[in-house]
Amino acid sequence: MTTLREPVVTSHAQFLIDMAARAPSVHNSQPWRFRIGPSTIEVYCDKQRKLRTDILGRDMLISCGAALFGLRLGVRSLGYLPVVQLLPDPTRPHLVAQVGTGASAPVTGEENRMLEAVPYRHTHRGPFEPGPLPDGLLRGLRDDALAEGATLALVKENAAYQRLAGIVAAAADHLYLDPRTQEETRRWTRDADSLVRDGVSAQTFAATAAGHPGRLTQRDFDLGRGLAQLPTGGESPAATAVLLTPGENWVEWLRAGQALHRVLLHAASKRVFASLYSQPLELPATRALIRDRLALPGNPQMLLQLGCANIGEPTARRPADELIDA
C-alpha cells in the first residue's frame, strides 16, 4: 500500500479529520475515532457511540463509511489519490479502514464542488421548496453510487411509492411503541439552545413525524415534548430513492456510507438536500420487505427524499482533537 507521506500527516491531520467528521451519521452520533500513524490515518468505529438499538452495528458502520469518504475527499483536496484498505487487521475489529496516498493528481471540478458543499451539507427534515431538480442531477447521483459499489434506485411509479410509504409508516408505528427506540431518541435529542456538539438539535426537526402526500413518515424526534423548531408542510420532495448494496456485511455497509456521503455532497453542491430515513431499515424484516415488494436489485441501506431547500444551520460537530487517539 502506498502510504501518506509523513509531512502530509503531520501538517494536515487536523484538517483531514475535520473533513471526515463532517459526515452524516445516525442521530448525529458521530461514532468514529481516528489514529494518526507515520504513514496512514486509521478510522475506528466508536462502539460507545453505537445506538443501543443498532444490534449488528449496521448504522454505525454506514456512518463510519461516510466519514471515510470525507477523509478520502480531504486527501484529494491536497492533490493526492487516496488509497484505502477496508478492515485491514482482523485482530483489531474496531479498525474499519486505513487511508494512505498514491500518486499526485489534480483535483477535478466535481471534487471541488463537493469540497465547497461540505460545510453546509445537512440532513433536511423541514419543508421543501417547489421546483424540479437540476437537469442531469439524478443521473449523476446514480453514477456516484455506482462508483462506490452501490446502487441508487429511484422510486418512480406511484404504485411503488405507495407500497414503500405503507411499509415505512407501519415500521414507524411499530418502533414508536418500542420503549428502547424512544429512550434512544431522547438520548440523542438536544434542546435548540444546547451547546452539546452531537445529537439532533430541535432546530432541525418538526413537531410531527406524520407524512403528508409525497413525504414518507419521518422519525419522531419530538415525542410530544414541544421541542421542535421546524415548520411542517411545504412542497413534496422532487424524488424518492433507495440506496442499495449487493450484500449485507461490514464491507457492504462501509461502502453504503461512502456512497451516501458522495451522493449527498453532489446534491448539496446543486443546493439540493435529502431527508434520510434510516429508522425503518433498522429492522431486517423491513429491509427485506422493501427489497421484495419493490423488486429492488439489492439490499436497502438508506431511503432518501430529495428536493430543493434553503441551506440550513451547520450541524454541530465535535472538534478533531476530541476524535484522535494517541
C-alpha atoms as a PDB file:
ATOM      1  CA  MET A   1       0.000   0.000   0.000  1.00  0.00           C
ATOM      2  CA  THR A   2       1.306   3.440  -0.912  1.00  0.00           C
ATOM      3  CA  THR A   3       1.034   5.480   2.242  1.00  0.00           C
ATOM      4  CA  LEU A   4       0.536   9.035   3.363  1.00  0.00           C
ATOM      5  CA  ARG A   5       3.830  10.891   3.315  1.00  0.00           C
ATOM      6  CA  GLU A   6       4.727  11.953   6.844  1.00  0.00           C
ATOM      7  CA  PRO A   7       4.681  15.708   6.133  1.00  0.00           C
ATOM      8  CA  VAL A   8       1.102  15.399   4.864  1.00  0.00           C
ATOM      9  CA  VAL A   9       0.005  13.587   8.010  1.00  0.00           C
ATOM     10  CA  THR A  10       1.735  15.925  10.428  1.00  0.00           C
ATOM     11  CA  SER A  11       0.848  19.123   8.594  1.00  0.00           C
ATOM     12  CA  HIS A  12      -2.746  18.329   7.642  1.00  0.00           C
ATOM     13  CA  ALA A  13      -4.019  15.735  10.118  1.00  0.00           C
ATOM     14  CA  GLN A  14      -6.479  18.064  11.850  1.00  0.00           C
ATOM     15  CA  PHE A  15      -7.829  19.307   8.522  1.00  0.00           C
ATOM     16  CA  LEU A  16      -8.299  15.745   7.240  1.00  0.00           C
ATOM     17  CA  ILE A  17     -10.071  14.618  10.382  1.00  0.00           C
ATOM     18  CA  ASP A  18     -12.244  17.741  10.408  1.00  0.00           C
ATOM     19  CA  MET A  19     -13.272  16.841   6.861  1.00  0.00           C
ATOM     20  CA  ALA A  20     -14.087  13.279   7.871  1.00  0.00           C
ATOM     21  CA  ALA A  21     -16.053  14.426  10.911  1.00  0.00           C
ATOM     22  CA  ARG A  22     -18.452  16.492   8.774  1.00  0.00           C
ATOM     23  CA  ALA A  23     -20.010  13.256   7.527  1.00  0.00           C
ATOM     24  CA  PRO A  24     -23.642  12.360   8.206  1.00  0.00           C
ATOM     25  CA  SER A  25     -24.258   9.832  10.986  1.00  0.00           C
ATOM     26  CA  VAL A  26     -27.307   8.227  12.523  1.00  0.00           C
ATOM     27  CA  HIS A  27     -28.707  10.607  15.191  1.00  0.00           C
ATOM     28  CA  ASN A  28     -25.565  12.704  14.582  1.00  0.00           C
ATOM     29  CA  SER A  29     -23.918  10.253  16.968  1.00  0.00           C
ATOM     30  CA  GLN A  30     -20.530  10.652  15.215  1.00  0.00           C
ATOM     31  CA  PRO A  31     -19.450   7.078  16.062  1.00  0.00           C
ATOM     32  CA  TRP A  32     -15.872   7.342  14.844  1.00  0.00           C
ATOM     33  CA  ARG A  33     -12.331   7.845  16.083  1.00  0.00           C
ATOM     34  CA  PHE A  34      -9.029   8.319  14.274  1.00  0.00           C
ATOM     35  CA  ARG A  35      -5.396   7.440  14.839  1.00  0.00           C
ATOM     36  CA  ILE A  36      -2.557   9.187  13.040  1.00  0.00           C
ATOM     37  CA  GLY A  37       0.304   6.882  12.105  1.00  0.00           C
ATOM     38  CA  PRO A  38       3.610   7.722  10.478  1.00  0.00           C
ATOM     39  CA  SER A  39       2.173   6.954   7.048  1.00  0.00           C
ATOM     40  CA  THR A  40      -1.589   6.398   7.369  1.00  0.00           C
ATOM     41  CA  ILE A  41      -4.694   7.688   9.083  1.00  0.00           C
ATOM     42  CA  GLU A  42      -6.727   4.919  10.673  1.00  0.00           C
ATOM     43  CA  VAL A  43     -10.518   5.087  11.051  1.00  0.00           C
ATOM     44  CA  TYR A  44     -12.105   3.283  14.000  1.00  0.00           C
ATOM     45  CA  CYS A  45     -15.720   2.765  14.924  1.00  0.00           C
ATOM     46  CA  ASP A  46     -16.539   4.053  18.410  1.00  0.00           C
ATOM     47  CA  LYS A  47     -18.823   1.438  19.934  1.00  0.00           C
ATOM     48  CA  GLN A  48     -19.543   3.669  22.918  1.00  0.00           C
ATOM     49  CA  ARG A  49     -21.489   5.828  20.468  1.00  0.00           C
ATOM     50  CA  LYS A  50     -23.316   2.980  18.782  1.00  0.00           C
ATOM     51  CA  LEU A  51     -27.091   3.178  19.128  1.00  0.00           C
ATOM     52  CA  ARG A  52     -28.339   0.577  21.590  1.00  0.00           C
ATOM     53  CA  THR A  53     -30.982  -0.374  19.037  1.00  0.00           C
ATOM     54  CA  ASP A  54     -28.278  -0.944  16.380  1.00  0.00           C
ATOM     55  CA  ILE A  55     -27.642  -4.547  17.381  1.00  0.00           C
ATOM     56  CA  LEU A  56     -25.452  -5.520  14.412  1.00  0.00           C
ATOM     57  CA  GLY A  57     -23.687  -2.148  14.202  1.00  0.00           C
ATOM     58  CA  ARG A  58     -25.062  -1.565  10.707  1.00  0.00           C
ATOM     59  CA  ASP A  59     -25.971   2.098  11.235  1.00  0.00           C
ATOM     60  CA  MET A  60     -22.634   2.680  12.965  1.00  0.00           C
ATOM     61  CA  LEU A  61     -20.693   1.234  10.034  1.00  0.00           C
ATOM     62  CA  ILE A  62     -22.678   3.200   7.446  1.00  0.00           C
ATOM     63  CA  SER A  63     -21.826   6.317   9.456  1.00  0.00           C
ATOM     64  CA  CYS A  64     -18.127   5.361   9.581  1.00  0.00           C
ATOM     65  CA  GLY A  65     -18.199   4.723   5.835  1.00  0.00           C
ATOM     66  CA  ALA A  66     -19.489   8.260   5.335  1.00  0.00           C
ATOM     67  CA  ALA A  67     -16.618   9.594   7.471  1.00  0.00           C
ATOM     68  CA  LEU A  68     -14.206   7.534   5.377  1.00  0.00           C
ATOM     69  CA  PHE A  69     -15.443   9.209   2.205  1.00  0.00           C
ATOM     70  CA  GLY A  70     -14.930  12.603   3.848  1.00  0.00           C
ATOM     71  CA  LEU A  71     -11.360  11.616   4.694  1.00  0.00           C
ATOM     72  CA  ARG A  72     -10.786  10.455   1.123  1.00  0.00           C
ATOM     73  CA  LEU A  73     -12.129  13.748  -0.200  1.00  0.00           C
ATOM     74  CA  GLY A  74      -9.821  15.621   2.153  1.00  0.00           C
ATOM     75  CA  VAL A  75      -6.827  13.730   0.781  1.00  0.00           C
ATOM     76  CA  ARG A  76      -7.957  14.592  -2.758  1.00  0.00           C
ATOM     77  CA  SER A  77      -8.097  18.274  -1.819  1.00  0.00           C
ATOM     78  CA  LEU A  78      -4.369  18.053  -1.039  1.00  0.00           C
ATOM     79  CA  GLY A  79      -3.659  16.787  -4.542  1.00  0.00           C
ATOM     80  CA  TYR A  80      -3.175  13.070  -3.854  1.00  0.00           C
ATOM     81  CA  LEU A  81      -5.129   9.958  -4.795  1.00  0.00           C
ATOM     82  CA  PRO A  82      -6.343   8.196  -1.636  1.00  0.00           C
ATOM     83  CA  VAL A  83      -5.535   4.517  -1.183  1.00  0.00           C
ATOM     84  CA  VAL A  84      -7.901   2.700   1.165  1.00  0.00           C
ATOM     85  CA  GLN A  85      -7.772  -0.669   2.897  1.00  0.00           C
ATOM     86  CA  LEU A  86     -11.071  -1.732   4.449  1.00  0.00           C
ATOM     87  CA  LEU A  87     -10.942  -3.873   7.601  1.00  0.00           C
ATOM     88  CA  PRO A  88      -7.149  -4.271   7.281  1.00  0.00           C
ATOM     89  CA  ASP A  89      -6.461  -6.134  10.548  1.00  0.00           C
ATOM     90  CA  PRO A  90      -8.715  -8.990  11.752  1.00  0.00           C
ATOM     91  CA  THR A  91      -7.153  -8.733  15.228  1.00  0.00           C
ATOM     92  CA  ARG A  92      -8.483  -5.157  15.544  1.00  0.00           C
ATOM     93  CA  PRO A  93     -12.163  -5.392  14.600  1.00  0.00           C
ATOM     94  CA  HIS A  94     -12.850  -1.762  15.536  1.00  0.00           C
ATOM     95  CA  LEU A  95     -10.349  -0.635  12.862  1.00  0.00           C
ATOM     96  CA  VAL A  96     -12.526  -0.194   9.791  1.00  0.00           C
ATOM     97  CA  ALA A  97     -10.062   1.423   7.377  1.00  0.00           C
ATOM     98  CA  GLN A  98      -6.574   2.718   6.757  1.00  0.00           C
ATOM     99  CA  VAL A  99      -6.117   5.618   4.362  1.00  0.00           C
ATOM    100  CA  GLY A 100      -2.915   6.461   2.583  1.00  0.00           C
ATOM    101  CA  THR A 101      -1.981   8.201  -0.661  1.00  0.00           C
ATOM    102  CA  GLY A 102      -0.957   7.114  -4.093  1.00  0.00           C
ATOM    103  CA  ALA A 103       0.195   9.346  -6.899  1.00  0.00           C
ATOM    104  CA  SER A 104      -0.409  13.061  -7.008  1.00  0.00           C
ATOM    105  CA  ALA A 105      -3.309  14.150  -9.203  1.00  0.00           C
ATOM    106  CA  PRO A 106      -5.078  17.472  -9.740  1.00  0.00           C
ATOM    107  CA  VAL A 107      -8.448  17.963  -8.061  1.00  0.00           C
ATOM    108  CA  THR A 108     -11.339  17.738 -10.521  1.00  0.00           C
ATOM    109  CA  GLY A 109     -14.103  20.291 -10.879  1.00  0.00           C
ATOM    110  CA  GLU A 110     -16.628  17.843  -9.437  1.00  0.00           C
ATOM    111  CA  GLU A 111     -14.413  17.238  -6.409  1.00  0.00           C
ATOM    112  CA  ASN A 112     -14.013  20.981  -5.878  1.00  0.00           C
ATOM    113  CA  ARG A 113     -17.790  21.419  -5.916  1.00  0.00           C
ATOM    114  CA  MET A 114     -18.198  18.648  -3.340  1.00  0.00           C
ATOM    115  CA  LEU A 115     -15.482  20.192  -1.178  1.00  0.00           C
ATOM    116  CA  GLU A 116     -17.291  23.527  -1.258  1.00  0.00           C
ATOM    117  CA  ALA A 117     -20.515  21.776  -0.186  1.00  0.00           C
ATOM    118  CA  VAL A 118     -19.010  20.058   2.875  1.00  0.00           C
ATOM    119  CA  PRO A 119     -19.657  22.923   5.369  1.00  0.00           C
ATOM    120  CA  TYR A 120     -23.351  23.299   4.526  1.00  0.00           C
ATOM    121  CA  ARG A 121     -24.451  19.768   3.635  1.00  0.00           C
ATOM    122  CA  HIS A 122     -27.100  18.725   6.154  1.00  0.00           C
ATOM    123  CA  THR A 123     -29.917  16.252   6.630  1.00  0.00           C
ATOM    124  CA  HIS A 124     -33.110  18.055   5.686  1.00  0.00           C
ATOM    125  CA  ARG A 125     -36.198  17.433   7.835  1.00  0.00           C
ATOM    126  CA  GLY A 126     -38.146  20.601   7.053  1.00  0.00           C
ATOM    127  CA  PRO A 127     -40.296  21.721   4.120  1.00  0.00           C
ATOM    128  CA  PHE A 128     -39.001  21.530   0.579  1.00  0.00           C
ATOM    129  CA  GLU A 129     -39.269  24.326  -1.953  1.00  0.00           C
ATOM    130  CA  PRO A 130     -41.222  23.955  -5.204  1.00  0.00           C
ATOM    131  CA  GLY A 131     -39.486  23.055  -8.414  1.00  0.00           C
ATOM    132  CA  PRO A 132     -37.754  20.142 -10.116  1.00  0.00           C
ATOM    133  CA  LEU A 133     -34.211  19.008  -9.504  1.00  0.00           C
ATOM    134  CA  PRO A 134     -31.475  20.385 -11.789  1.00  0.00           C
ATOM    135  CA  ASP A 135     -31.221  18.651 -15.143  1.00  0.00           C
ATOM    136  CA  GLY A 136     -28.974  15.622 -15.066  1.00  0.00           C
ATOM    137  CA  LEU A 137     -28.595  15.568 -11.276  1.00  0.00           C
ATOM    138  CA  LEU A 138     -30.322  12.240 -10.684  1.00  0.00           C
ATOM    139  CA  ARG A 139     -28.229  10.584 -13.383  1.00  0.00           C
ATOM    140  CA  GLY A 140     -25.121  11.976 -11.731  1.00  0.00           C
ATOM    141  CA  LEU A 141     -26.204  10.745  -8.294  1.00  0.00           C
ATOM    142  CA  ARG A 142     -26.757   7.254  -9.664  1.00  0.00           C
ATOM    143  CA  ASP A 143     -23.243   7.355 -11.128  1.00  0.00           C
ATOM    144  CA  ASP A 144     -21.895   8.453  -7.732  1.00  0.00           C
ATOM    145  CA  ALA A 145     -23.446   5.444  -6.021  1.00  0.00           C
ATOM    146  CA  LEU A 146     -22.124   3.053  -8.681  1.00  0.00           C
ATOM    147  CA  ALA A 147     -18.616   4.486  -8.284  1.00  0.00           C
ATOM    148  CA  GLU A 148     -18.739   3.421  -4.613  1.00  0.00           C
ATOM    149  CA  GLY A 149     -20.051  -0.094  -5.272  1.00  0.00           C
ATOM    150  CA  ALA A 150     -23.693   0.718  -4.500  1.00  0.00           C
ATOM    151  CA  THR A 151     -26.885   1.418  -6.445  1.00  0.00           C
ATOM    152  CA  LEU A 152     -29.264   4.367  -6.139  1.00  0.00           C
ATOM    153  CA  ALA A 153     -32.667   3.098  -7.253  1.00  0.00           C
ATOM    154  CA  LEU A 154     -35.307   5.742  -7.982  1.00  0.00           C
ATOM    155  CA  VAL A 155     -38.896   5.062  -6.910  1.00  0.00           C
ATOM    156  CA  LYS A 156     -40.712   6.500  -9.912  1.00  0.00           C
ATOM    157  CA  GLU A 157     -44.076   4.757 -10.140  1.00  0.00           C
ATOM    158  CA  ASN A 158     -46.884   5.886  -7.860  1.00  0.00           C
ATOM    159  CA  ALA A 159     -47.821   2.293  -7.014  1.00  0.00           C
ATOM    160  CA  ALA A 160     -44.252   1.524  -5.918  1.00  0.00           C
ATOM    161  CA  TYR A 161     -44.115   4.708  -3.863  1.00  0.00           C
ATOM    162  CA  GLN A 162     -47.392   3.869  -2.122  1.00  0.00           C
ATOM    163  CA  ARG A 163     -46.059   0.416  -1.246  1.00  0.00           C
ATOM    164  CA  LEU A 164     -42.889   1.979   0.156  1.00  0.00           C
ATOM    165  CA  ALA A 165     -44.829   4.634   2.097  1.00  0.00           C
ATOM    166  CA  GLY A 166     -47.059   1.979   3.630  1.00  0.00           C
ATOM    167  CA  ILE A 167     -44.109  -0.130   4.762  1.00  0.00           C
ATOM    168  CA  VAL A 168     -42.322   2.907   6.234  1.00  0.00           C
ATOM    169  CA  ALA A 169     -45.451   4.042   8.100  1.00  0.00           C
ATOM    170  CA  ALA A 170     -46.024   0.561   9.545  1.00  0.00           C
ATOM    171  CA  ALA A 171     -42.386   0.336  10.687  1.00  0.00           C
ATOM    172  CA  ALA A 172     -42.628   3.800  12.272  1.00  0.00           C
ATOM    173  CA  ASP A 173     -45.761   2.794  14.178  1.00  0.00           C
ATOM    174  CA  HIS A 174     -44.051  -0.357  15.421  1.00  0.00           C
ATOM    175  CA  LEU A 175     -40.878   1.430  16.521  1.00  0.00           C
ATOM    176  CA  TYR A 176     -42.805   4.291  18.135  1.00  0.00           C
ATOM    177  CA  LEU A 177     -44.232   1.754  20.591  1.00  0.00           C
ATOM    178  CA  ASP A 178     -40.784   0.322  21.375  1.00  0.00           C
ATOM    179  CA  PRO A 179     -39.503   1.828  24.660  1.00  0.00           C
ATOM    180  CA  ARG A 180     -35.885   1.197  23.644  1.00  0.00           C
ATOM    181  CA  THR A 181     -36.353   3.262  20.486  1.00  0.00           C
ATOM    182  CA  GLN A 182     -37.949   6.121  22.417  1.00  0.00           C
ATOM    183  CA  GLU A 183     -35.174   6.025  25.013  1.00  0.00           C
ATOM    184  CA  GLU A 184     -32.529   6.169  22.297  1.00  0.00           C
ATOM    185  CA  THR A 185     -34.276   9.070  20.573  1.00  0.00           C
ATOM    186  CA  ARG A 186     -34.376  11.042  23.819  1.00  0.00           C
ATOM    187  CA  ARG A 187     -30.715  10.226  24.453  1.00  0.00           C
ATOM    188  CA  TRP A 188     -29.636  11.872  21.192  1.00  0.00           C
ATOM    189  CA  THR A 189     -32.111  14.792  21.021  1.00  0.00           C
ATOM    190  CA  ARG A 190     -30.881  18.259  22.012  1.00  0.00           C
ATOM    191  CA  ASP A 191     -32.719  21.444  23.012  1.00  0.00           C
ATOM    192  CA  ALA A 192     -32.497  24.279  20.496  1.00  0.00           C
ATOM    193  CA  ASP A 193     -30.099  26.219  22.731  1.00  0.00           C
ATOM    194  CA  SER A 194     -27.925  23.236  23.679  1.00  0.00           C
ATOM    195  CA  LEU A 195     -24.158  23.668  23.350  1.00  0.00           C
ATOM    196  CA  VAL A 196     -23.546  19.918  23.098  1.00  0.00           C
ATOM    197  CA  ARG A 197     -21.727  19.139  19.853  1.00  0.00           C
ATOM    198  CA  ASP A 198     -23.513  15.942  18.887  1.00  0.00           C
ATOM    199  CA  GLY A 199     -27.080  14.673  18.592  1.00  0.00           C
ATOM    200  CA  VAL A 200     -30.080  16.121  16.768  1.00  0.00           C
ATOM    201  CA  SER A 201     -30.965  19.716  17.612  1.00  0.00           C
ATOM    202  CA  ALA A 202     -34.587  20.778  17.974  1.00  0.00           C
ATOM    203  CA  GLN A 203     -33.771  23.401  15.344  1.00  0.00           C
ATOM    204  CA  THR A 204     -33.616  20.598  12.762  1.00  0.00           C
ATOM    205  CA  PHE A 205     -36.862  18.661  13.250  1.00  0.00           C
ATOM    206  CA  ALA A 206     -40.600  19.323  13.158  1.00  0.00           C
ATOM    207  CA  ALA A 207     -43.199  18.671  15.836  1.00  0.00           C
ATOM    208  CA  THR A 208     -44.853  15.820  13.981  1.00  0.00           C
ATOM    209  CA  ALA A 209     -43.399  12.841  12.207  1.00  0.00           C
ATOM    210  CA  ALA A 210     -46.545  12.132  10.210  1.00  0.00           C
ATOM    211  CA  GLY A 211     -46.050  12.220   6.466  1.00  0.00           C
ATOM    212  CA  HIS A 212     -48.134  14.249   4.050  1.00  0.00           C
ATOM    213  CA  PRO A 213     -48.782  13.336   0.404  1.00  0.00           C
ATOM    214  CA  GLY A 214     -45.443  12.575  -1.202  1.00  0.00           C
ATOM    215  CA  ARG A 215     -43.498  12.599   2.076  1.00  0.00           C
ATOM    216  CA  LEU A 216     -42.508   9.437   3.915  1.00  0.00           C
ATOM    217  CA  THR A 217     -43.172   9.210   7.640  1.00  0.00           C
ATOM    218  CA  GLN A 218     -40.206  10.731   9.442  1.00  0.00           C
ATOM    219  CA  ARG A 219     -38.651   9.660  12.721  1.00  0.00           C
ATOM    220  CA  ASP A 220     -40.445  11.340  15.642  1.00  0.00           C
ATOM    221  CA  PHE A 221     -37.674  13.228  17.428  1.00  0.00           C
ATOM    222  CA  ASP A 222     -40.068  15.463  19.346  1.00  0.00           C
ATOM    223  CA  LEU A 223     -42.049  12.685  21.100  1.00  0.00           C
ATOM    224  CA  GLY A 224     -44.648  15.215  22.203  1.00  0.00           C
ATOM    225  CA  ARG A 225     -42.159  17.296  24.214  1.00  0.00           C
ATOM    226  CA  GLY A 226     -42.717  20.568  22.375  1.00  0.00           C
ATOM    227  CA  LEU A 227     -39.038  20.968  21.458  1.00  0.00           C
ATOM    228  CA  ALA A 228     -39.314  21.125  17.682  1.00  0.00           C
ATOM    229  CA  GLN A 229     -38.453  24.343  15.852  1.00  0.00           C
ATOM    230  CA  LEU A 230     -39.112  23.470  12.194  1.00  0.00           C
ATOM    231  CA  PRO A 231     -42.461  24.094  10.491  1.00  0.00           C
ATOM    232  CA  THR A 232     -44.423  21.263   8.918  1.00  0.00           C
ATOM    233  CA  GLY A 233     -45.937  21.111   5.449  1.00  0.00           C
ATOM    234  CA  GLY A 234     -44.274  22.520   2.369  1.00  0.00           C
ATOM    235  CA  GLU A 235     -43.837  21.017  -1.061  1.00  0.00           C
ATOM    236  CA  SER A 236     -43.438  17.316  -1.709  1.00  0.00           C
ATOM    237  CA  PRO A 237     -39.901  16.137  -2.424  1.00  0.00           C
ATOM    238  CA  ALA A 238     -38.866  16.030  -6.054  1.00  0.00           C
ATOM    239  CA  ALA A 239     -37.524  12.470  -5.935  1.00  0.00           C
ATOM    240  CA  THR A 240     -37.510   9.385  -3.740  1.00  0.00           C
ATOM    241  CA  ALA A 241     -34.665   6.866  -3.887  1.00  0.00           C
ATOM    242  CA  VAL A 242     -33.319   3.771  -2.157  1.00  0.00           C
ATOM    243  CA  LEU A 243     -29.578   3.239  -1.661  1.00  0.00           C
ATOM    244  CA  LEU A 244     -28.759  -0.443  -2.216  1.00  0.00           C
ATOM    245  CA  THR A 245     -25.775  -2.747  -1.776  1.00  0.00           C
ATOM    246  CA  PRO A 246     -25.340  -6.245  -3.214  1.00  0.00           C
ATOM    247  CA  GLY A 247     -24.849  -7.874   0.208  1.00  0.00           C
ATOM    248  CA  GLU A 248     -25.271  -7.440   3.946  1.00  0.00           C
ATOM    249  CA  ASN A 249     -21.944  -7.364   5.779  1.00  0.00           C
ATOM    250  CA  TRP A 250     -19.414  -4.925   7.249  1.00  0.00           C
ATOM    251  CA  VAL A 251     -17.723  -4.155   3.930  1.00  0.00           C
ATOM    252  CA  GLU A 252     -21.061  -3.534   2.199  1.00  0.00           C
ATOM    253  CA  TRP A 253     -22.206  -1.196   4.989  1.00  0.00           C
ATOM    254  CA  LEU A 254     -18.955   0.766   4.798  1.00  0.00           C
ATOM    255  CA  ARG A 255     -19.422   1.085   1.046  1.00  0.00           C
ATOM    256  CA  ALA A 256     -23.012   2.220   1.567  1.00  0.00           C
ATOM    257  CA  GLY A 257     -21.770   5.001   3.837  1.00  0.00           C
ATOM    258  CA  GLN A 258     -19.196   6.159   1.307  1.00  0.00           C
ATOM    259  CA  ALA A 259     -21.817   6.151  -1.442  1.00  0.00           C
ATOM    260  CA  LEU A 260     -24.284   8.027   0.767  1.00  0.00           C
ATOM    261  CA  HIS A 261     -21.885  10.852   1.573  1.00  0.00           C
ATOM    262  CA  ARG A 262     -20.778  11.178  -2.034  1.00  0.00           C
ATOM    263  CA  VAL A 263     -24.398  11.366  -3.224  1.00  0.00           C
ATOM    264  CA  LEU A 264     -25.339  13.915  -0.543  1.00  0.00           C
ATOM    265  CA  LEU A 265     -22.375  16.184  -1.269  1.00  0.00           C
ATOM    266  CA  HIS A 266     -23.026  16.133  -5.011  1.00  0.00           C
ATOM    267  CA  ALA A 267     -26.676  17.005  -4.366  1.00  0.00           C
ATOM    268  CA  ALA A 268     -25.771  19.755  -1.879  1.00  0.00           C
ATOM    269  CA  SER A 269     -23.396  21.286  -4.428  1.00  0.00           C
ATOM    270  CA  LYS A 270     -26.548  21.930  -6.508  1.00  0.00           C
ATOM    271  CA  ARG A 271     -28.468  23.269  -3.466  1.00  0.00           C
ATOM    272  CA  VAL A 272     -30.445  20.016  -3.285  1.00  0.00           C
ATOM    273  CA  PHE A 273     -30.806  18.331   0.104  1.00  0.00           C
ATOM    274  CA  ALA A 274     -32.112  14.990   1.313  1.00  0.00           C
ATOM    275  CA  SER A 275     -34.358  13.732   4.054  1.00  0.00           C
ATOM    276  CA  LEU A 276     -32.831  10.452   5.240  1.00  0.00           C
ATOM    277  CA  TYR A 277     -34.913   7.583   6.548  1.00  0.00           C
ATOM    278  CA  SER A 278     -32.819   5.097   8.479  1.00  0.00           C
ATOM    279  CA  GLN A 279     -35.326   4.165  11.187  1.00  0.00           C
ATOM    280  CA  PRO A 280     -37.489   1.714   9.197  1.00  0.00           C
ATOM    281  CA  LEU A 281     -34.348  -0.006   7.935  1.00  0.00           C
ATOM    282  CA  GLU A 282     -33.234  -0.830  11.480  1.00  0.00           C
ATOM    283  CA  LEU A 283     -35.488  -3.893  11.206  1.00  0.00           C
ATOM    284  CA  PRO A 284     -34.026  -6.642   8.956  1.00  0.00           C
ATOM    285  CA  ALA A 285     -37.535  -7.825   8.108  1.00  0.00           C
ATOM    286  CA  THR A 286     -38.457  -4.348   6.885  1.00  0.00           C
ATOM    287  CA  ARG A 287     -35.354  -4.142   4.698  1.00  0.00           C
ATOM    288  CA  ALA A 288     -36.257  -7.482   3.152  1.00  0.00           C
ATOM    289  CA  LEU A 289     -39.883  -6.442   2.678  1.00  0.00           C
ATOM    290  CA  ILE A 290     -38.905  -3.216   0.883  1.00  0.00           C
ATOM    291  CA  ARG A 291     -36.487  -5.139  -1.329  1.00  0.00           C
ATOM    292  CA  ASP A 292     -39.098  -7.732  -2.267  1.00  0.00           C
ATOM    293  CA  ARG A 293     -42.197  -5.516  -2.576  1.00  0.00           C
ATOM    294  CA  LEU A 294     -40.376  -3.009  -4.782  1.00  0.00           C
ATOM    295  CA  ALA A 295     -38.403  -5.714  -6.679  1.00  0.00           C
ATOM    296  CA  LEU A 296     -35.144  -3.913  -5.943  1.00  0.00           C
ATOM    297  CA  PRO A 297     -31.797  -5.209  -7.282  1.00  0.00           C
ATOM    298  CA  GLY A 298     -30.081  -5.215  -3.910  1.00  0.00           C
ATOM    299  CA  ASN A 299     -30.407  -4.699  -0.177  1.00  0.00           C
ATOM    300  CA  PRO A 300     -31.817  -1.358   1.048  1.00  0.00           C
ATOM    301  CA  GLN A 301     -29.415   0.569   3.283  1.00  0.00           C
ATOM    302  CA  MET A 302     -30.941   4.085   3.225  1.00  0.00           C
ATOM    303  CA  LEU A 303     -34.099   5.789   1.990  1.00  0.00           C
ATOM    304  CA  LEU A 304     -33.736   9.313   0.613  1.00  0.00           C
ATOM    305  CA  GLN A 305     -36.173  12.018  -0.434  1.00  0.00           C
ATOM    306  CA  LEU A 306     -34.540  14.838  -2.379  1.00  0.00           C
ATOM    307  CA  GLY A 307     -35.654  18.364  -3.080  1.00  0.00           C
ATOM    308  CA  CYS A 308     -34.613  21.968  -3.334  1.00  0.00           C
ATOM    309  CA  ALA A 309     -34.361  23.733   0.025  1.00  0.00           C
ATOM    310  CA  ASN A 310     -32.705  26.614   1.793  1.00  0.00           C
ATOM    311  CA  ILE A 311     -29.301  25.935   3.311  1.00  0.00           C
ATOM    312  CA  GLY A 312     -29.785  25.124   6.980  1.00  0.00           C
ATOM    313  CA  GLU A 313     -27.699  25.816  10.037  1.00  0.00           C
ATOM    314  CA  PRO A 314     -24.457  23.772  10.186  1.00  0.00           C
ATOM    315  CA  THR A 315     -24.889  20.634  12.243  1.00  0.00           C
ATOM    316  CA  ALA A 316     -22.876  20.565  15.474  1.00  0.00           C
ATOM    317  CA  ARG A 317     -19.669  18.547  15.284  1.00  0.00           C
ATOM    318  CA  ARG A 318     -17.062  17.559  17.849  1.00  0.00           C
ATOM    319  CA  PRO A 319     -13.639  19.095  17.162  1.00  0.00           C
ATOM    320  CA  ALA A 320     -10.844  16.989  15.744  1.00  0.00           C
ATOM    321  CA  ASP A 321      -8.818  16.931  18.968  1.00  0.00           C
ATOM    322  CA  GLU A 322     -11.659  15.008  20.666  1.00  0.00           C
ATOM    323  CA  LEU A 323     -11.611  12.360  17.940  1.00  0.00           C
ATOM    324  CA  ILE A 324      -7.921  11.454  17.836  1.00  0.00           C
ATOM    325  CA  ASP A 325      -6.478   8.525  19.771  1.00  0.00           C
ATOM    326  CA  ALA A 326      -2.868   8.702  20.836  1.00  0.00           C
END
